[in-house]
Amino acid sequence: MKLVKSTQTKKFKNSDVCIAIEYPLNDKDINVAVIKLKGRYPNKGSAINKKCKEMAYISKGKGQVTVNGLTKKLSKGDVVLIDKGEKYFWNGNMEMVMPCTPAWTHQQHSIVD
């Protein structure tokens, strides 16, 4: 078993509107973060993950996600699964619990047009 206390989290500012609170599980197969979004991320273009799937559980608020040109509205209680290689962006005022498998790294994430 692994346990990460809230006092052990690491906060990262992905952009002016996107804060990630990472829970360092130190597991290469899965990780989790809480994402606090207040606007569009990324601010231009789309994001893409080359190696991991991202799941997002909307824990607060509402917004939308656009994946490969298809936009879906989101609200509290919804779940989205984004597969590796899919282009996406988020927009809204929401908090998301986001596990990734394999574990997310900055090297596999990029912003594209």
N, C-alpha and C. Protein backbone atom coordinates (compact mmCIF):
# COMPACT_ATOMS: atom_id res chain seq x y z
N MET A 1 0.84 -1.18 0.00
CA MET A 1 0.00 0.00 0.00
C MET A 1 0.89 1.25 0.00
N LYS A 2 0.39 2.26 -0.70
CA LYS A 2 1.05 3.56 -0.68
C LYS A 2 0.04 4.60 -0.23
N LEU A 3 0.49 5.53 0.58
CA LEU A 3 -0.36 6.60 1.08
C LEU A 3 0.37 7.92 0.90
N VAL A 4 -0.31 8.89 0.32
CA VAL A 4 0.24 10.24 0.20
C VAL A 4 -0.70 11.18 0.94
N LYS A 5 -0.21 11.80 1.97
CA LYS A 5 -0.98 12.76 2.76
C LYS A 5 -1.06 14.09 2.01
N SER A 6 -2.10 14.84 2.27
CA SER A 6 -2.26 16.14 1.60
C SER A 6 -1.09 17.07 1.89
N THR A 7 -0.43 16.87 3.02
CA THR A 7 0.73 17.70 3.37
C THR A 7 1.97 17.34 2.55
N GLN A 8 1.91 16.24 1.81
CA GLN A 8 3.05 15.80 1.00
C GLN A 8 2.90 16.16 -0.48
N THR A 9 1.84 16.84 -0.83
CA THR A 9 1.59 17.16 -2.23
C THR A 9 2.56 18.21 -2.75
N LYS A 10 2.66 18.26 -4.08
CA LYS A 10 3.49 19.25 -4.75
C LYS A 10 2.61 20.05 -5.69
N LYS A 11 2.69 21.37 -5.59
CA LYS A 11 1.86 22.26 -6.40
C LYS A 11 2.66 22.79 -7.58
N PHE A 12 2.06 22.71 -8.78
CA PHE A 12 2.69 23.21 -10.00
C PHE A 12 1.73 24.14 -10.72
N LYS A 13 2.25 25.23 -11.23
CA LYS A 13 1.45 26.16 -12.02
C LYS A 13 1.69 25.85 -13.49
N ASN A 14 0.73 25.17 -14.12
CA ASN A 14 0.85 24.82 -15.53
C ASN A 14 0.65 26.04 -16.43
N SER A 15 -0.17 26.97 -15.97
CA SER A 15 -0.41 28.23 -16.68
C SER A 15 -1.06 29.20 -15.69
N ASP A 16 -1.40 30.38 -16.16
CA ASP A 16 -2.06 31.35 -15.28
C ASP A 16 -3.43 30.87 -14.80
N VAL A 17 -4.04 29.91 -15.52
CA VAL A 17 -5.39 29.45 -15.18
C VAL A 17 -5.45 27.98 -14.76
N CYS A 18 -4.30 27.32 -14.69
CA CYS A 18 -4.28 25.88 -14.42
C CYS A 18 -3.23 25.53 -13.37
N ILE A 19 -3.70 25.05 -12.22
CA ILE A 19 -2.82 24.63 -11.13
C ILE A 19 -2.97 23.12 -10.95
N ALA A 20 -1.86 22.42 -10.84
CA ALA A 20 -1.87 20.97 -10.58
C ALA A 20 -1.31 20.71 -9.19
N ILE A 21 -2.04 19.93 -8.42
CA ILE A 21 -1.58 19.49 -7.10
C ILE A 21 -1.30 18.00 -7.21
N GLU A 22 -0.02 17.66 -7.30
CA GLU A 22 0.37 16.27 -7.53
C GLU A 22 0.59 15.52 -6.23
N TYR A 23 0.16 14.28 -6.22
CA TYR A 23 0.35 13.37 -5.09
C TYR A 23 1.45 12.39 -5.48
N PRO A 24 2.66 12.56 -4.94
CA PRO A 24 3.81 11.76 -5.39
C PRO A 24 3.76 10.30 -4.91
N LEU A 25 3.14 9.45 -5.72
CA LEU A 25 3.05 8.02 -5.41
C LEU A 25 4.35 7.28 -5.69
N ASN A 26 5.21 7.87 -6.52
CA ASN A 26 6.46 7.22 -6.93
C ASN A 26 6.18 5.84 -7.52
N ASP A 27 5.22 5.80 -8.44
CA ASP A 27 4.83 4.57 -9.12
C ASP A 27 4.82 4.85 -10.61
N LYS A 28 5.57 4.10 -11.38
CA LYS A 28 5.68 4.37 -12.82
C LYS A 28 4.42 3.99 -13.59
N ASP A 29 3.55 3.18 -12.99
CA ASP A 29 2.36 2.70 -13.70
C ASP A 29 1.14 3.61 -13.56
N ILE A 30 1.10 4.44 -12.53
CA ILE A 30 -0.06 5.31 -12.31
C ILE A 30 0.34 6.49 -11.41
N ASN A 31 -0.32 7.62 -11.62
CA ASN A 31 -0.18 8.75 -10.70
C ASN A 31 -1.49 9.51 -10.66
N VAL A 32 -1.58 10.50 -9.78
CA VAL A 32 -2.82 11.25 -9.65
C VAL A 32 -2.51 12.69 -9.24
N ALA A 33 -3.36 13.59 -9.74
CA ALA A 33 -3.25 15.01 -9.38
C ALA A 33 -4.65 15.59 -9.30
N VAL A 34 -4.78 16.67 -8.56
CA VAL A 34 -5.99 17.48 -8.57
C VAL A 34 -5.68 18.70 -9.41
N ILE A 35 -6.52 18.95 -10.41
CA ILE A 35 -6.32 20.08 -11.32
C ILE A 35 -7.36 21.14 -11.00
N LYS A 36 -6.90 22.37 -10.78
CA LYS A 36 -7.79 23.51 -10.55
C LYS A 36 -7.71 24.41 -11.78
N LEU A 37 -8.82 24.49 -12.51
CA LEU A 37 -8.87 25.20 -13.78
C LEU A 37 -9.80 26.39 -13.69
N LYS A 38 -9.31 27.55 -14.15
CA LYS A 38 -10.13 28.77 -14.18
C LYS A 38 -9.89 29.47 -15.51
N GLY A 39 -10.34 28.84 -16.60
CA GLY A 39 -10.14 29.37 -17.94
C GLY A 39 -9.84 28.27 -18.93
N ARG A 40 -9.04 28.61 -19.96
CA ARG A 40 -8.71 27.65 -21.01
C ARG A 40 -7.29 27.14 -20.82
N TYR A 41 -7.12 25.82 -20.92
CA TYR A 41 -5.79 25.22 -20.90
C TYR A 41 -5.70 24.18 -22.00
N PRO A 42 -4.66 24.26 -22.82
CA PRO A 42 -3.70 25.37 -22.90
C PRO A 42 -4.38 26.61 -23.48
N ASN A 43 -3.76 27.76 -23.29
CA ASN A 43 -4.41 29.00 -23.73
C ASN A 43 -4.51 29.11 -25.24
N LYS A 44 -3.66 28.38 -25.98
CA LYS A 44 -3.73 28.30 -27.44
C LYS A 44 -3.46 26.86 -27.85
N GLY A 45 -4.03 26.46 -28.95
CA GLY A 45 -3.77 25.12 -29.47
C GLY A 45 -4.36 24.03 -28.59
N SER A 46 -3.69 22.89 -28.60
CA SER A 46 -4.15 21.72 -27.85
C SER A 46 -2.97 21.09 -27.13
N ALA A 47 -3.29 20.27 -26.15
CA ALA A 47 -2.28 19.46 -25.46
C ALA A 47 -2.36 18.04 -26.01
N ILE A 48 -1.27 17.32 -25.87
CA ILE A 48 -1.24 15.92 -26.28
C ILE A 48 -0.29 15.17 -25.35
N ASN A 49 -0.68 13.98 -24.98
CA ASN A 49 0.18 13.10 -24.19
C ASN A 49 0.60 11.94 -25.06
N LYS A 50 1.89 11.74 -25.17
CA LYS A 50 2.42 10.72 -26.07
C LYS A 50 2.39 9.32 -25.49
N LYS A 51 2.34 9.19 -24.16
CA LYS A 51 2.45 7.86 -23.54
C LYS A 51 1.32 7.48 -22.60
N CYS A 52 0.60 8.45 -22.03
CA CYS A 52 -0.36 8.06 -20.99
C CYS A 52 -1.80 8.40 -21.35
N LYS A 53 -2.70 7.64 -20.74
CA LYS A 53 -4.12 7.96 -20.76
C LYS A 53 -4.39 8.84 -19.55
N GLU A 54 -5.27 9.83 -19.73
CA GLU A 54 -5.66 10.71 -18.64
C GLU A 54 -7.15 10.54 -18.38
N MET A 55 -7.51 10.28 -17.14
CA MET A 55 -8.91 10.26 -16.76
C MET A 55 -9.16 11.47 -15.88
N ALA A 56 -10.30 12.12 -16.08
CA ALA A 56 -10.64 13.28 -15.25
C ALA A 56 -12.02 13.07 -14.65
N TYR A 57 -12.08 13.11 -13.33
CA TYR A 57 -13.35 13.12 -12.61
C TYR A 57 -13.60 14.56 -12.18
N ILE A 58 -14.72 15.13 -12.62
CA ILE A 58 -15.03 16.51 -12.30
C ILE A 58 -15.60 16.55 -10.88
N SER A 59 -14.80 17.07 -9.95
CA SER A 59 -15.21 17.08 -8.54
C SER A 59 -15.93 18.37 -8.13
N LYS A 60 -15.71 19.45 -8.89
CA LYS A 60 -16.36 20.73 -8.61
C LYS A 60 -16.49 21.51 -9.91
N GLY A 61 -17.54 22.31 -10.01
CA GLY A 61 -17.68 23.25 -11.11
C GLY A 61 -18.19 22.64 -12.39
N LYS A 62 -17.95 23.39 -13.49
CA LYS A 62 -18.37 22.93 -14.81
C LYS A 62 -17.48 23.57 -15.87
N GLY A 63 -17.56 22.99 -17.06
CA GLY A 63 -16.76 23.48 -18.17
C GLY A 63 -16.96 22.60 -19.37
N GLN A 64 -15.90 22.49 -20.16
CA GLN A 64 -15.96 21.64 -21.34
C GLN A 64 -14.57 21.15 -21.69
N VAL A 65 -14.55 20.06 -22.45
CA VAL A 65 -13.31 19.54 -23.00
C VAL A 65 -13.53 19.34 -24.49
N THR A 66 -12.51 19.67 -25.27
CA THR A 66 -12.53 19.42 -26.70
C THR A 66 -11.43 18.42 -27.01
N VAL A 67 -11.81 17.27 -27.57
CA VAL A 67 -10.87 16.20 -27.90
C VAL A 67 -10.99 15.91 -29.38
N ASN A 68 -9.87 16.06 -30.10
CA ASN A 68 -9.85 15.83 -31.55
C ASN A 68 -11.00 16.55 -32.25
N GLY A 69 -11.27 17.79 -31.83
CA GLY A 69 -12.28 18.63 -32.46
C GLY A 69 -13.70 18.44 -31.96
N LEU A 70 -13.96 17.47 -31.10
CA LEU A 70 -15.29 17.21 -30.56
C LEU A 70 -15.40 17.79 -29.15
N THR A 71 -16.35 18.72 -28.95
CA THR A 71 -16.51 19.40 -27.67
C THR A 71 -17.65 18.78 -26.87
N LYS A 72 -17.38 18.52 -25.58
CA LYS A 72 -18.38 17.97 -24.67
C LYS A 72 -18.46 18.85 -23.42
N LYS A 73 -19.69 19.14 -22.98
CA LYS A 73 -19.89 19.88 -21.73
C LYS A 73 -19.66 18.94 -20.56
N LEU A 74 -19.12 19.51 -19.48
CA LEU A 74 -18.80 18.74 -18.28
C LEU A 74 -19.36 19.43 -17.05
N SER A 75 -19.78 18.62 -16.07
CA SER A 75 -20.20 19.16 -14.79
C SER A 75 -19.86 18.16 -13.69
N LYS A 76 -20.03 18.60 -12.46
CA LYS A 76 -19.67 17.79 -11.29
C LYS A 76 -20.22 16.37 -11.43
N GLY A 77 -19.34 15.39 -11.18
CA GLY A 77 -19.71 13.99 -11.24
C GLY A 77 -19.41 13.31 -12.56
N ASP A 78 -19.09 14.07 -13.61
CA ASP A 78 -18.75 13.48 -14.91
C ASP A 78 -17.33 12.94 -14.92
N VAL A 79 -17.09 11.97 -15.81
CA VAL A 79 -15.75 11.40 -16.00
C VAL A 79 -15.42 11.44 -17.48
N VAL A 80 -14.19 11.82 -17.80
CA VAL A 80 -13.68 11.85 -19.17
C VAL A 80 -12.42 11.00 -19.22
N LEU A 81 -12.27 10.20 -20.28
CA LEU A 81 -11.04 9.45 -20.51
C LEU A 81 -10.44 9.91 -21.82
N ILE A 82 -9.21 10.42 -21.76
CA ILE A 82 -8.49 10.88 -22.95
C ILE A 82 -7.37 9.90 -23.20
N ASP A 83 -7.36 9.32 -24.40
CA ASP A 83 -6.35 8.32 -24.74
C ASP A 83 -5.05 8.99 -25.16
N LYS A 84 -3.97 8.25 -25.06
CA LYS A 84 -2.68 8.79 -25.51
C LYS A 84 -2.78 9.15 -26.99
N GLY A 85 -2.15 10.25 -27.35
CA GLY A 85 -2.14 10.69 -28.73
C GLY A 85 -3.32 11.55 -29.14
N GLU A 86 -4.35 11.68 -28.30
CA GLU A 86 -5.49 12.53 -28.64
C GLU A 86 -5.16 13.99 -28.31
N LYS A 87 -5.57 14.89 -29.20
CA LYS A 87 -5.37 16.33 -28.98
C LYS A 87 -6.56 16.86 -28.19
N TYR A 88 -6.28 17.66 -27.15
CA TYR A 88 -7.38 18.14 -26.31
C TYR A 88 -7.07 19.50 -25.70
N PHE A 89 -8.14 20.18 -25.29
CA PHE A 89 -8.01 21.35 -24.42
C PHE A 89 -9.23 21.44 -23.52
N TRP A 90 -9.01 22.06 -22.36
CA TRP A 90 -10.04 22.24 -21.34
C TRP A 90 -10.45 23.70 -21.31
N ASN A 91 -11.70 23.97 -20.91
CA ASN A 91 -12.15 25.34 -20.71
C ASN A 91 -13.24 25.33 -19.64
N GLY A 92 -13.11 26.17 -18.64
CA GLY A 92 -14.14 26.23 -17.62
C GLY A 92 -13.61 26.64 -16.27
N ASN A 93 -14.47 26.48 -15.28
CA ASN A 93 -14.13 26.78 -13.90
C ASN A 93 -14.45 25.51 -13.12
N MET A 94 -13.45 24.65 -12.95
CA MET A 94 -13.71 23.34 -12.35
C MET A 94 -12.46 22.77 -11.71
N GLU A 95 -12.70 21.80 -10.82
CA GLU A 95 -11.63 21.00 -10.24
C GLU A 95 -11.81 19.58 -10.72
N MET A 96 -10.68 18.94 -11.03
CA MET A 96 -10.70 17.58 -11.55
C MET A 96 -9.71 16.72 -10.78
N VAL A 97 -10.11 15.51 -10.46
CA VAL A 97 -9.19 14.51 -9.94
C VAL A 97 -8.73 13.72 -11.16
N MET A 98 -7.41 13.70 -11.41
CA MET A 98 -6.91 13.19 -12.67
C MET A 98 -5.83 12.13 -12.48
N PRO A 99 -6.21 10.84 -12.50
CA PRO A 99 -5.19 9.79 -12.54
C PRO A 99 -4.71 9.57 -13.98
N CYS A 100 -3.46 9.20 -14.14
CA CYS A 100 -2.88 8.92 -15.45
C CYS A 100 -2.15 7.58 -15.40
N THR A 101 -2.24 6.84 -16.51
CA THR A 101 -1.52 5.58 -16.61
C THR A 101 -0.94 5.42 -18.00
N PRO A 102 0.35 5.08 -18.13
CA PRO A 102 1.33 5.08 -17.06
C PRO A 102 1.48 6.47 -16.45
N ALA A 103 2.24 6.58 -15.41
CA ALA A 103 2.38 7.85 -14.69
C ALA A 103 2.76 8.99 -15.64
N TRP A 104 2.10 10.13 -15.47
CA TRP A 104 2.33 11.31 -16.29
C TRP A 104 3.70 11.91 -15.99
N THR A 105 4.37 12.37 -17.05
CA THR A 105 5.62 13.12 -16.90
C THR A 105 5.59 14.32 -17.84
N HIS A 106 6.37 15.33 -17.52
CA HIS A 106 6.44 16.52 -18.38
C HIS A 106 6.99 16.18 -19.76
N GLN A 107 7.86 15.19 -19.85
CA GLN A 107 8.50 14.84 -21.11
C GLN A 107 7.51 14.27 -22.13
N GLN A 108 6.45 13.64 -21.69
CA GLN A 108 5.49 13.03 -22.62
C GLN A 108 4.34 13.97 -22.98
N HIS A 109 4.32 15.16 -22.40
CA HIS A 109 3.24 16.14 -22.60
C HIS A 109 3.76 17.27 -23.49
N SER A 110 2.96 17.66 -24.48
CA SER A 110 3.37 18.81 -25.30
C SER A 110 2.14 19.59 -25.75
N ILE A 111 2.38 20.84 -26.13
CA ILE A 111 1.35 21.71 -26.67
C ILE A 111 1.56 21.77 -28.18
N VAL A 112 0.47 21.56 -28.93
CA VAL A 112 0.53 21.55 -30.40
C VAL A 112 -0.49 22.52 -30.96
N ASP A 113 -0.34 22.87 -32.23
CA ASP A 113 -1.31 23.78 -32.89
C ASP A 113 -2.64 23.12 -33.11
